[in-house]
Amino acid sequence: MALPPRVFFTLHEASARWGCNIADIAAWADTDRFQILTGIAAVRCGEDIVAGKVVLSPMELLPLFRRCGTGPSEGMMRRIQPLGRQDWLLITEPAGGIPVGLADMMILAEDVHTFEEENDMVRRVATGPGAATSYDWEGMMVALILRIHDHGFPPTQAELVAEMQEWFADQTNGKKMPDSRSIRRRITPIWKAVRREDA
């Protein structure tokens, strides 16, 4: 029985996977290519109590990402962003913020895969749980064309994305499915172009 795909990559794993420096990863995160996360125990941010997965600001922890490797391995985080929110919250208790270790920083696996696809990076072929694998995007496009030819478009783009994700599941017995965002990015230009013509 196969284990489910992995959910997170540490920054060290991403650095080794991409053959880059952790300073590069911090810079890409700062320019919104993906988010750097960590997990925290409950803290108070004004009236809010925040715990669990939070987004970190790499520029506020800049000494940890020195390219020369002389920086500390832990920094103090005074501002956090709860996952799924756009606003940053100032930690009021504990007053000095919370310690965050470089080894405890992560990137969501789906963000790692999306970043690789957007930058045409060749993934390493590996075996075992959480191994990075390429997807049969050409096969999906053929299935998409056949679906549109035979049945037209479904009412919503989300339904089309779900159908293509199901196609991947059918091809691999549920073992290799890209996330919906990666599929949507490939379908959206076709969806918009045809919808514009229909308008």
N, C-alpha and C. Protein backbone atom coordinates (compact mmCIF):
# COMPACT_ATOMS: atom_id res chain seq x y z
N MET A 1 0.85 -1.19 0.00
CA MET A 1 0.00 0.00 0.00
C MET A 1 0.88 1.24 0.00
N ALA A 2 0.63 2.13 -0.94
CA ALA A 2 1.46 3.33 -1.07
C ALA A 2 1.03 4.38 -0.06
N LEU A 3 2.03 5.07 0.48
CA LEU A 3 1.74 6.19 1.38
C LEU A 3 1.27 7.39 0.56
N PRO A 4 0.49 8.29 1.16
CA PRO A 4 0.09 9.49 0.43
C PRO A 4 1.30 10.37 0.15
N PRO A 5 1.20 11.26 -0.82
CA PRO A 5 2.34 12.14 -1.12
C PRO A 5 2.66 13.05 0.05
N ARG A 6 3.89 13.50 0.11
CA ARG A 6 4.30 14.35 1.23
C ARG A 6 3.62 15.70 1.14
N VAL A 7 3.53 16.37 2.27
CA VAL A 7 2.80 17.63 2.36
C VAL A 7 3.74 18.83 2.41
N PHE A 8 4.90 18.67 3.04
CA PHE A 8 5.84 19.78 3.20
C PHE A 8 7.25 19.37 2.76
N PHE A 9 8.04 20.39 2.38
CA PHE A 9 9.48 20.25 2.21
C PHE A 9 10.12 21.26 3.14
N THR A 10 11.18 20.86 3.85
CA THR A 10 11.92 21.85 4.63
C THR A 10 12.73 22.72 3.66
N LEU A 11 13.21 23.85 4.15
CA LEU A 11 14.02 24.72 3.29
C LEU A 11 15.30 24.01 2.85
N HIS A 12 15.86 23.20 3.74
CA HIS A 12 17.09 22.47 3.38
C HIS A 12 16.79 21.45 2.28
N GLU A 13 15.64 20.79 2.37
CA GLU A 13 15.27 19.83 1.32
C GLU A 13 15.03 20.53 -0.01
N ALA A 14 14.34 21.67 0.03
CA ALA A 14 14.09 22.43 -1.20
C ALA A 14 15.39 22.94 -1.80
N SER A 15 16.31 23.38 -0.94
CA SER A 15 17.61 23.87 -1.41
C SER A 15 18.38 22.76 -2.11
N ALA A 16 18.39 21.56 -1.53
CA ALA A 16 19.08 20.43 -2.15
C ALA A 16 18.38 20.01 -3.43
N ARG A 17 17.08 20.03 -3.42
CA ARG A 17 16.27 19.61 -4.57
C ARG A 17 16.49 20.53 -5.77
N TRP A 18 16.60 21.83 -5.50
CA TRP A 18 16.73 22.81 -6.57
C TRP A 18 18.17 23.19 -6.87
N GLY A 19 19.10 22.74 -6.05
CA GLY A 19 20.50 23.08 -6.26
C GLY A 19 20.77 24.56 -6.10
N CYS A 20 20.17 25.17 -5.06
CA CYS A 20 20.33 26.61 -4.85
C CYS A 20 20.66 26.87 -3.39
N ASN A 21 20.92 28.13 -3.08
CA ASN A 21 21.22 28.55 -1.72
C ASN A 21 19.92 28.90 -0.99
N ILE A 22 19.93 28.77 0.31
CA ILE A 22 18.73 29.12 1.10
C ILE A 22 18.43 30.62 0.95
N ALA A 23 19.46 31.42 0.68
CA ALA A 23 19.23 32.85 0.44
C ALA A 23 18.34 33.05 -0.78
N ASP A 24 18.51 32.21 -1.80
CA ASP A 24 17.65 32.30 -2.98
C ASP A 24 16.20 31.97 -2.63
N ILE A 25 16.01 30.94 -1.80
CA ILE A 25 14.67 30.55 -1.40
C ILE A 25 13.99 31.68 -0.64
N ALA A 26 14.74 32.33 0.25
CA ALA A 26 14.18 33.47 1.00
C ALA A 26 13.78 34.59 0.05
N ALA A 27 14.61 34.86 -0.94
CA ALA A 27 14.30 35.93 -1.90
C ALA A 27 13.06 35.61 -2.72
N TRP A 28 12.94 34.36 -3.17
CA TRP A 28 11.76 33.97 -3.95
C TRP A 28 10.50 34.04 -3.10
N ALA A 29 10.61 33.66 -1.83
CA ALA A 29 9.46 33.76 -0.93
C ALA A 29 9.08 35.21 -0.72
N ASP A 30 10.08 36.08 -0.61
CA ASP A 30 9.80 37.51 -0.39
C ASP A 30 9.12 38.14 -1.59
N THR A 31 9.33 37.57 -2.78
CA THR A 31 8.67 38.10 -3.99
C THR A 31 7.41 37.32 -4.33
N ASP A 32 6.86 36.63 -3.33
CA ASP A 32 5.55 35.95 -3.43
C ASP A 32 5.53 34.79 -4.42
N ARG A 33 6.67 34.13 -4.62
CA ARG A 33 6.66 32.93 -5.46
C ARG A 33 6.07 31.75 -4.70
N PHE A 34 6.23 31.76 -3.39
CA PHE A 34 5.64 30.77 -2.50
C PHE A 34 5.77 31.33 -1.09
N GLN A 35 5.26 30.61 -0.10
CA GLN A 35 5.31 31.06 1.29
C GLN A 35 6.19 30.13 2.11
N ILE A 36 6.87 30.72 3.09
CA ILE A 36 7.62 29.94 4.07
C ILE A 36 6.76 29.83 5.32
N LEU A 37 6.55 28.59 5.77
CA LEU A 37 5.67 28.34 6.91
C LEU A 37 6.44 27.74 8.07
N THR A 38 5.83 27.83 9.23
CA THR A 38 6.29 27.06 10.38
C THR A 38 5.06 26.79 11.24
N GLY A 39 5.25 25.98 12.26
CA GLY A 39 4.16 25.70 13.19
C GLY A 39 4.50 26.30 14.54
N ILE A 40 3.53 26.92 15.19
CA ILE A 40 3.78 27.55 16.49
C ILE A 40 2.73 27.12 17.51
N ALA A 41 3.13 27.19 18.79
CA ALA A 41 2.17 27.03 19.87
C ALA A 41 1.37 28.33 19.98
N ALA A 42 0.32 28.31 20.77
CA ALA A 42 -0.57 29.46 20.86
C ALA A 42 0.15 30.72 21.34
N VAL A 43 -0.06 31.80 20.61
CA VAL A 43 0.43 33.12 21.01
C VAL A 43 -0.74 34.10 20.92
N ARG A 44 -0.57 35.22 21.60
CA ARG A 44 -1.61 36.25 21.53
C ARG A 44 -1.15 37.36 20.59
N CYS A 45 -2.06 37.75 19.70
CA CYS A 45 -1.81 38.87 18.79
C CYS A 45 -2.96 39.85 19.00
N GLY A 46 -2.77 40.74 19.96
CA GLY A 46 -3.88 41.64 20.32
C GLY A 46 -5.02 40.83 20.91
N GLU A 47 -6.17 40.88 20.26
CA GLU A 47 -7.34 40.14 20.73
C GLU A 47 -7.36 38.70 20.21
N ASP A 48 -6.52 38.39 19.24
CA ASP A 48 -6.54 37.07 18.61
C ASP A 48 -5.56 36.11 19.29
N ILE A 49 -5.95 34.85 19.33
CA ILE A 49 -5.05 33.77 19.73
C ILE A 49 -4.74 32.98 18.46
N VAL A 50 -3.46 32.83 18.16
CA VAL A 50 -3.05 32.16 16.93
C VAL A 50 -2.16 30.97 17.27
N ALA A 51 -2.41 29.84 16.61
CA ALA A 51 -1.58 28.65 16.80
C ALA A 51 -1.60 27.83 15.51
N GLY A 52 -0.66 26.91 15.40
CA GLY A 52 -0.62 26.04 14.22
C GLY A 52 0.24 26.61 13.11
N LYS A 53 -0.18 26.39 11.86
CA LYS A 53 0.60 26.83 10.69
C LYS A 53 0.51 28.35 10.52
N VAL A 54 1.66 28.99 10.38
CA VAL A 54 1.70 30.43 10.11
C VAL A 54 2.74 30.72 9.04
N VAL A 55 2.56 31.83 8.34
CA VAL A 55 3.49 32.29 7.31
C VAL A 55 4.51 33.21 7.97
N LEU A 56 5.77 33.08 7.55
CA LEU A 56 6.85 33.91 8.06
C LEU A 56 7.30 34.91 6.99
N SER A 57 7.82 36.04 7.44
CA SER A 57 8.39 37.03 6.53
C SER A 57 9.90 36.84 6.49
N PRO A 58 10.45 36.38 5.37
CA PRO A 58 11.89 36.11 5.32
C PRO A 58 12.75 37.35 5.55
N MET A 59 12.28 38.52 5.15
CA MET A 59 13.08 39.73 5.34
C MET A 59 13.20 40.11 6.80
N GLU A 60 12.25 39.67 7.62
CA GLU A 60 12.33 39.95 9.06
C GLU A 60 13.25 38.96 9.77
N LEU A 61 13.67 37.94 9.06
CA LEU A 61 14.60 36.95 9.60
C LEU A 61 15.86 36.88 8.74
N LEU A 62 16.19 37.98 8.13
CA LEU A 62 17.26 38.01 7.12
C LEU A 62 18.59 37.42 7.58
N PRO A 63 19.04 37.63 8.82
CA PRO A 63 20.34 37.04 9.22
C PRO A 63 20.38 35.52 9.08
N LEU A 64 19.24 34.85 9.14
CA LEU A 64 19.21 33.39 9.01
C LEU A 64 19.54 32.94 7.59
N PHE A 65 19.38 33.84 6.62
CA PHE A 65 19.51 33.48 5.21
C PHE A 65 20.78 34.04 4.57
N ARG A 66 21.80 34.29 5.36
CA ARG A 66 23.05 34.82 4.79
C ARG A 66 23.64 33.83 3.80
N ARG A 67 23.99 34.33 2.64
CA ARG A 67 24.55 33.48 1.59
C ARG A 67 25.89 32.88 1.99
N CYS A 68 26.61 33.57 2.84
CA CYS A 68 27.93 33.09 3.24
C CYS A 68 27.85 31.98 4.30
N GLY A 69 26.66 31.76 4.84
CA GLY A 69 26.48 30.68 5.80
C GLY A 69 26.91 31.00 7.21
N THR A 70 27.18 32.28 7.52
CA THR A 70 27.65 32.64 8.86
C THR A 70 26.52 33.06 9.79
N GLY A 71 25.29 33.03 9.32
CA GLY A 71 24.17 33.50 10.13
C GLY A 71 23.76 32.52 11.21
N PRO A 72 22.92 32.97 12.14
CA PRO A 72 22.42 32.08 13.19
C PRO A 72 21.44 31.08 12.61
N SER A 73 21.10 30.07 13.39
CA SER A 73 20.12 29.07 12.94
C SER A 73 18.74 29.33 13.51
N GLU A 74 18.64 30.36 14.35
CA GLU A 74 17.36 30.68 14.97
C GLU A 74 17.20 32.19 15.08
N GLY A 75 16.00 32.67 14.87
CA GLY A 75 15.72 34.09 14.98
C GLY A 75 14.43 34.32 15.75
N MET A 76 14.17 35.59 16.08
CA MET A 76 12.95 35.94 16.80
C MET A 76 11.93 36.50 15.81
N MET A 77 10.76 35.92 15.81
CA MET A 77 9.69 36.37 14.93
C MET A 77 8.68 37.17 15.75
N ARG A 78 8.47 38.41 15.36
CA ARG A 78 7.54 39.27 16.09
C ARG A 78 6.25 39.51 15.34
N ARG A 79 6.23 39.05 14.08
CA ARG A 79 5.04 39.26 13.25
C ARG A 79 4.76 37.99 12.49
N ILE A 80 3.51 37.57 12.45
CA ILE A 80 3.13 36.34 11.76
C ILE A 80 1.88 36.58 10.92
N GLN A 81 1.66 35.68 9.98
CA GLN A 81 0.45 35.74 9.16
C GLN A 81 -0.23 34.37 9.22
N PRO A 82 -1.40 34.30 9.85
CA PRO A 82 -2.10 33.01 9.86
C PRO A 82 -2.36 32.53 8.44
N LEU A 83 -2.22 31.23 8.21
CA LEU A 83 -2.38 30.67 6.87
C LEU A 83 -3.78 30.96 6.36
N GLY A 84 -3.87 31.46 5.13
CA GLY A 84 -5.16 31.78 4.55
C GLY A 84 -5.59 33.22 4.74
N ARG A 85 -4.83 34.00 5.52
CA ARG A 85 -5.15 35.42 5.72
C ARG A 85 -4.12 36.28 5.02
N GLN A 86 -4.50 37.50 4.72
CA GLN A 86 -3.61 38.42 4.02
C GLN A 86 -2.95 39.41 4.96
N ASP A 87 -3.48 39.55 6.18
CA ASP A 87 -2.95 40.55 7.10
C ASP A 87 -1.89 39.94 8.02
N TRP A 88 -0.95 40.79 8.43
CA TRP A 88 0.10 40.37 9.35
C TRP A 88 -0.28 40.78 10.75
N LEU A 89 -0.04 39.91 11.72
CA LEU A 89 -0.40 40.16 13.11
C LEU A 89 0.86 40.30 13.96
N LEU A 90 0.88 41.32 14.80
CA LEU A 90 1.99 41.55 15.72
C LEU A 90 1.79 40.68 16.96
N ILE A 91 2.80 39.91 17.32
CA ILE A 91 2.71 39.08 18.51
C ILE A 91 2.85 39.97 19.74
N THR A 92 1.82 39.97 20.58
CA THR A 92 1.85 40.79 21.79
C THR A 92 2.21 39.98 23.03
N GLU A 93 1.94 38.69 23.01
CA GLU A 93 2.35 37.79 24.10
C GLU A 93 2.81 36.47 23.48
N PRO A 94 4.06 36.08 23.73
CA PRO A 94 5.08 36.77 24.54
C PRO A 94 5.56 38.07 23.89
N ALA A 95 5.88 39.02 24.73
CA ALA A 95 6.16 40.39 24.26
C ALA A 95 7.34 40.46 23.30
N GLY A 96 8.33 39.62 23.46
CA GLY A 96 9.50 39.70 22.58
C GLY A 96 9.38 38.89 21.32
N GLY A 97 8.22 38.27 21.08
CA GLY A 97 8.04 37.43 19.91
C GLY A 97 8.37 35.97 20.25
N ILE A 98 8.55 35.16 19.24
CA ILE A 98 8.81 33.73 19.44
C ILE A 98 10.05 33.31 18.65
N PRO A 99 10.82 32.37 19.18
CA PRO A 99 11.98 31.89 18.43
C PRO A 99 11.54 30.98 17.28
N VAL A 100 12.19 31.14 16.15
CA VAL A 100 11.89 30.32 14.97
C VAL A 100 13.21 29.76 14.45
N GLY A 101 13.27 28.43 14.32
CA GLY A 101 14.48 27.79 13.84
C GLY A 101 14.44 27.57 12.34
N LEU A 102 15.57 27.75 11.70
CA LEU A 102 15.67 27.54 10.26
C LEU A 102 15.26 26.11 9.89
N ALA A 103 15.60 25.16 10.74
CA ALA A 103 15.28 23.76 10.46
C ALA A 103 13.79 23.48 10.53
N ASP A 104 13.02 24.39 11.15
CA ASP A 104 11.58 24.19 11.30
C ASP A 104 10.76 24.96 10.26
N MET A 105 11.43 25.54 9.29
CA MET A 105 10.72 26.28 8.24
C MET A 105 10.43 25.35 7.06
N MET A 106 9.24 25.51 6.48
CA MET A 106 8.78 24.59 5.44
C MET A 106 8.11 25.33 4.29
N ILE A 107 8.01 24.63 3.17
CA ILE A 107 7.23 25.09 2.01
C ILE A 107 6.23 23.99 1.70
N LEU A 108 4.98 24.36 1.43
CA LEU A 108 3.99 23.36 1.06
C LEU A 108 4.45 22.61 -0.19
N ALA A 109 4.26 21.30 -0.21
CA ALA A 109 4.68 20.50 -1.35
C ALA A 109 4.02 20.97 -2.64
N GLU A 110 2.75 21.36 -2.56
CA GLU A 110 2.08 21.81 -3.79
C GLU A 110 2.71 23.10 -4.31
N ASP A 111 3.23 23.96 -3.40
CA ASP A 111 3.92 25.17 -3.84
C ASP A 111 5.27 24.82 -4.46
N VAL A 112 5.94 23.81 -3.91
CA VAL A 112 7.21 23.35 -4.48
C VAL A 112 6.99 22.85 -5.90
N HIS A 113 5.96 22.01 -6.09
CA HIS A 113 5.69 21.45 -7.42
C HIS A 113 5.27 22.54 -8.40
N THR A 114 4.44 23.49 -7.93
CA THR A 114 4.02 24.59 -8.80
C THR A 114 5.22 25.43 -9.23
N PHE A 115 6.11 25.72 -8.29
CA PHE A 115 7.31 26.50 -8.59
C PHE A 115 8.16 25.79 -9.64
N GLU A 116 8.30 24.48 -9.51
CA GLU A 116 9.08 23.71 -10.47
C GLU A 116 8.44 23.73 -11.85
N GLU A 117 7.13 23.62 -11.90
CA GLU A 117 6.44 23.62 -13.19
C GLU A 117 6.54 24.99 -13.85
N GLU A 118 6.38 26.05 -13.06
CA GLU A 118 6.44 27.41 -13.62
C GLU A 118 7.81 27.75 -14.16
N ASN A 119 8.84 27.11 -13.60
CA ASN A 119 10.21 27.42 -14.02
C ASN A 119 10.85 26.32 -14.85
N ASP A 120 10.00 25.40 -15.36
CA ASP A 120 10.48 24.32 -16.23
C ASP A 120 11.68 23.59 -15.64
N MET A 121 11.59 23.31 -14.35
CA MET A 121 12.69 22.61 -13.69
C MET A 121 12.50 21.11 -13.86
N VAL A 122 13.59 20.43 -14.20
CA VAL A 122 13.54 18.98 -14.34
C VAL A 122 13.54 18.39 -12.94
N ARG A 123 12.52 17.61 -12.64
CA ARG A 123 12.44 17.01 -11.32
C ARG A 123 13.32 15.78 -11.25
N ARG A 124 13.83 15.54 -10.07
CA ARG A 124 14.63 14.34 -9.85
C ARG A 124 13.70 13.15 -9.74
N VAL A 125 14.05 12.07 -10.40
CA VAL A 125 13.25 10.86 -10.31
C VAL A 125 13.74 10.08 -9.11
N ALA A 126 12.85 9.85 -8.17
CA ALA A 126 13.21 9.15 -6.95
C ALA A 126 12.15 8.13 -6.64
N THR A 127 12.44 7.27 -5.69
CA THR A 127 11.47 6.28 -5.28
C THR A 127 11.17 6.46 -3.82
N GLY A 128 10.05 5.89 -3.40
CA GLY A 128 9.70 5.95 -1.99
C GLY A 128 8.66 7.01 -1.72
N PRO A 129 8.20 7.11 -0.49
CA PRO A 129 7.13 8.04 -0.13
C PRO A 129 7.53 9.47 -0.40
N GLY A 130 6.62 10.22 -1.01
CA GLY A 130 6.86 11.63 -1.24
C GLY A 130 7.81 11.93 -2.37
N ALA A 131 8.16 10.94 -3.16
CA ALA A 131 9.10 11.18 -4.26
C ALA A 131 8.50 12.11 -5.28
N ALA A 132 9.32 12.99 -5.83
CA ALA A 132 8.85 13.91 -6.85
C ALA A 132 8.73 13.17 -8.17
N THR A 133 7.62 13.35 -8.82
CA THR A 133 7.41 12.69 -10.11
C THR A 133 6.81 13.68 -11.07
N SER A 134 7.03 13.46 -12.36
CA SER A 134 6.42 14.31 -13.36
C SER A 134 5.03 13.76 -13.69
N TYR A 135 4.22 14.59 -14.24
CA TYR A 135 2.85 14.20 -14.58
C TYR A 135 2.69 14.17 -16.09
N ASP A 136 1.73 13.39 -16.55
CA ASP A 136 1.47 13.24 -17.98
C ASP A 136 0.57 14.38 -18.46
N TRP A 137 1.18 15.56 -18.57
CA TRP A 137 0.40 16.74 -18.97
C TRP A 137 -0.07 16.62 -20.41
N GLU A 138 0.73 16.04 -21.29
CA GLU A 138 0.30 15.87 -22.68
C GLU A 138 -0.91 14.96 -22.76
N GLY A 139 -0.89 13.88 -21.97
CA GLY A 139 -2.03 13.00 -21.92
C GLY A 139 -3.28 13.70 -21.41
N MET A 140 -3.09 14.57 -20.41
CA MET A 140 -4.23 15.33 -19.89
C MET A 140 -4.81 16.24 -20.97
N MET A 141 -3.94 16.88 -21.75
CA MET A 141 -4.43 17.78 -22.79
C MET A 141 -5.23 17.02 -23.85
N VAL A 142 -4.79 15.81 -24.18
CA VAL A 142 -5.54 14.97 -25.12
C VAL A 142 -6.90 14.63 -24.53
N ALA A 143 -6.91 14.25 -23.24
CA ALA A 143 -8.17 13.93 -22.57
C ALA A 143 -9.08 15.15 -22.51
N LEU A 144 -8.49 16.31 -22.30
CA LEU A 144 -9.26 17.56 -22.24
C LEU A 144 -9.90 17.86 -23.59
N ILE A 145 -9.12 17.72 -24.67
CA ILE A 145 -9.65 17.98 -26.01
C ILE A 145 -10.78 17.01 -26.34
N LEU A 146 -10.59 15.73 -26.00
CA LEU A 146 -11.64 14.75 -26.26
C LEU A 146 -12.90 15.06 -25.48
N ARG A 147 -12.72 15.48 -24.24
CA ARG A 147 -13.87 15.80 -23.40
C ARG A 147 -14.66 16.97 -23.98
N ILE A 148 -13.93 18.01 -24.41
CA ILE A 148 -14.59 19.19 -24.98
C ILE A 148 -15.24 18.84 -26.32
N HIS A 149 -14.55 18.04 -27.14
CA HIS A 149 -15.08 17.65 -28.43
C HIS A 149 -16.35 16.82 -28.29
N ASP A 150 -16.34 15.88 -27.36
CA ASP A 150 -17.47 14.96 -27.22
C ASP A 150 -18.63 15.54 -26.42
N HIS A 151 -18.31 16.35 -25.39
CA HIS A 151 -19.37 16.79 -24.48
C HIS A 151 -19.42 18.30 -24.26
N GLY A 152 -18.52 19.06 -24.87
CA GLY A 152 -18.49 20.49 -24.62
C GLY A 152 -17.91 20.80 -23.26
N PHE A 153 -18.07 22.05 -22.83
CA PHE A 153 -17.55 22.46 -21.53
C PHE A 153 -18.58 22.22 -20.44
N PRO A 154 -18.15 21.88 -19.23
CA PRO A 154 -19.07 21.82 -18.10
C PRO A 154 -19.46 23.25 -17.70
N PRO A 155 -20.43 23.40 -16.82
CA PRO A 155 -20.87 24.75 -16.44
C PRO A 155 -19.78 25.61 -15.79
N THR A 156 -18.88 24.99 -15.05
CA THR A 156 -17.85 25.78 -14.37
C THR A 156 -16.46 25.21 -14.64
N GLN A 157 -15.47 26.10 -14.51
CA GLN A 157 -14.09 25.67 -14.70
C GLN A 157 -13.68 24.70 -13.59
N ALA A 158 -14.20 24.91 -12.40
CA ALA A 158 -13.87 24.02 -11.28
C ALA A 158 -14.25 22.56 -11.59
N GLU A 159 -15.38 22.38 -12.25
CA GLU A 159 -15.81 21.03 -12.62
C GLU A 159 -14.84 20.41 -13.63
N LEU A 160 -14.36 21.22 -14.56
CA LEU A 160 -13.42 20.73 -15.55
C LEU A 160 -12.09 20.34 -14.89
N VAL A 161 -11.64 21.17 -13.95
CA VAL A 161 -10.42 20.86 -13.21
C VAL A 161 -10.59 19.55 -12.45
N ALA A 162 -11.74 19.38 -11.80
CA ALA A 162 -12.00 18.15 -11.04
C ALA A 162 -12.01 16.93 -11.96
N GLU A 163 -12.56 17.08 -13.16
CA GLU A 163 -12.58 15.96 -14.11
C GLU A 163 -11.17 15.58 -14.53
N MET A 164 -10.32 16.58 -14.76
CA MET A 164 -8.95 16.28 -15.17
C MET A 164 -8.15 15.67 -14.02
N GLN A 165 -8.44 16.10 -12.80
CA GLN A 165 -7.77 15.49 -11.65
C GLN A 165 -8.19 14.03 -11.52
N GLU A 166 -9.46 13.78 -11.80
CA GLU A 166 -9.97 12.41 -11.78
C GLU A 166 -9.31 11.57 -12.88
N TRP A 167 -9.04 12.21 -14.03
CA TRP A 167 -8.37 11.51 -15.13
C TRP A 167 -6.99 11.04 -14.67
N PHE A 168 -6.23 11.92 -14.00
CA PHE A 168 -4.92 11.54 -13.49
C PHE A 168 -5.05 10.37 -12.52
N ALA A 169 -6.06 10.44 -11.64
CA ALA A 169 -6.27 9.37 -10.66
C ALA A 169 -6.55 8.04 -11.36
N ASP A 170 -7.37 8.10 -12.41
CA ASP A 170 -7.71 6.88 -13.15
C ASP A 170 -6.49 6.27 -13.84
N GLN A 171 -5.61 7.13 -14.34
CA GLN A 171 -4.43 6.65 -15.07
C GLN A 171 -3.41 5.98 -14.14
N THR A 172 -3.42 6.36 -12.87
CA THR A 172 -2.35 5.90 -11.96
C THR A 172 -2.90 5.19 -10.73
N ASN A 173 -4.16 4.76 -10.80
CA ASN A 173 -4.78 4.11 -9.64
C ASN A 173 -4.71 4.99 -8.39
N GLY A 174 -4.85 6.29 -8.61
CA GLY A 174 -4.87 7.23 -7.50
C GLY A 174 -3.52 7.55 -6.90
N LYS A 175 -2.43 7.14 -7.55
CA LYS A 175 -1.09 7.31 -6.96
C LYS A 175 -0.42 8.61 -7.36
N LYS A 176 -0.74 9.18 -8.52
CA LYS A 176 -0.06 10.38 -8.99
C LYS A 176 -1.09 11.38 -9.50
N MET A 177 -1.41 12.34 -8.64
CA MET A 177 -2.35 13.39 -9.04
C MET A 177 -1.76 14.75 -8.72
N PRO A 178 -1.67 15.64 -9.70
CA PRO A 178 -1.22 16.99 -9.39
C PRO A 178 -2.30 17.73 -8.62
N ASP A 179 -1.92 18.79 -7.93
CA ASP A 179 -2.91 19.57 -7.20
C ASP A 179 -3.78 20.34 -8.19
N SER A 180 -4.95 20.74 -7.73
CA SER A 180 -5.92 21.40 -8.61
C SER A 180 -5.40 22.71 -9.17
N ARG A 181 -4.54 23.41 -8.41
CA ARG A 181 -4.02 24.69 -8.89
C ARG A 181 -3.14 24.50 -10.13
N SER A 182 -2.34 23.42 -10.13
CA SER A 182 -1.48 23.15 -11.29
C SER A 182 -2.31 22.83 -12.52
N ILE A 183 -3.39 22.07 -12.32
CA ILE A 183 -4.27 21.75 -13.45
C ILE A 183 -4.98 23.00 -13.93
N ARG A 184 -5.47 23.80 -12.99
CA ARG A 184 -6.21 25.02 -13.36
C ARG A 184 -5.34 25.96 -14.19
N ARG A 185 -4.05 26.04 -13.84
CA ARG A 185 -3.17 26.95 -14.57
C ARG A 185 -3.04 26.56 -16.03
N ARG A 186 -3.15 25.27 -16.34
CA ARG A 186 -3.07 24.81 -17.73
C ARG A 186 -4.39 24.92 -18.46
N ILE A 187 -5.48 24.83 -17.71
CA ILE A 187 -6.80 24.88 -18.33
C ILE A 187 -7.30 26.31 -18.54
N THR A 188 -6.92 27.21 -17.65
CA THR A 188 -7.46 28.57 -17.67
C THR A 188 -7.32 29.29 -19.02
N PRO A 189 -6.14 29.24 -19.69
CA PRO A 189 -6.05 29.95 -20.98
C PRO A 189 -7.06 29.42 -22.00
N ILE A 190 -7.28 28.11 -22.02
CA ILE A 190 -8.25 27.53 -22.96
C ILE A 190 -9.65 27.95 -22.57
N TRP A 191 -9.95 27.85 -21.29
CA TRP A 191 -11.28 28.23 -20.79
C TRP A 191 -11.59 29.69 -21.15
N LYS A 192 -10.64 30.59 -20.87
CA LYS A 192 -10.87 32.02 -21.13
C LYS A 192 -11.02 32.30 -22.62
N ALA A 193 -10.17 31.66 -23.44
CA ALA A 193 -10.22 31.91 -24.88
C ALA A 193 -11.55 31.49 -25.47
N VAL A 194 -12.04 30.31 -25.10
CA VAL A 194 -13.30 29.82 -25.64
C VAL A 194 -14.47 30.63 -25.11
N ARG A 195 -14.45 30.95 -23.82
CA ARG A 195 -15.53 31.75 -23.23
C ARG A 195 -15.60 33.13 -23.86
N ARG A 196 -14.43 33.69 -24.23
CA ARG A 196 -14.41 35.01 -24.88
C ARG A 196 -15.07 34.93 -26.25
N GLU A 197 -14.81 33.81 -26.96
CA GLU A 197 -15.42 33.64 -28.27
C GLU A 197 -16.93 33.45 -28.17
N ASP A 198 -17.36 32.77 -27.08
CA ASP A 198 -18.79 32.53 -26.89
C ASP A 198 -19.54 33.77 -26.47
N ALA A 199 -18.82 34.76 -25.90
CA ALA A 199 -19.48 35.95 -25.36
C ALA A 199 -20.07 36.81 -26.48
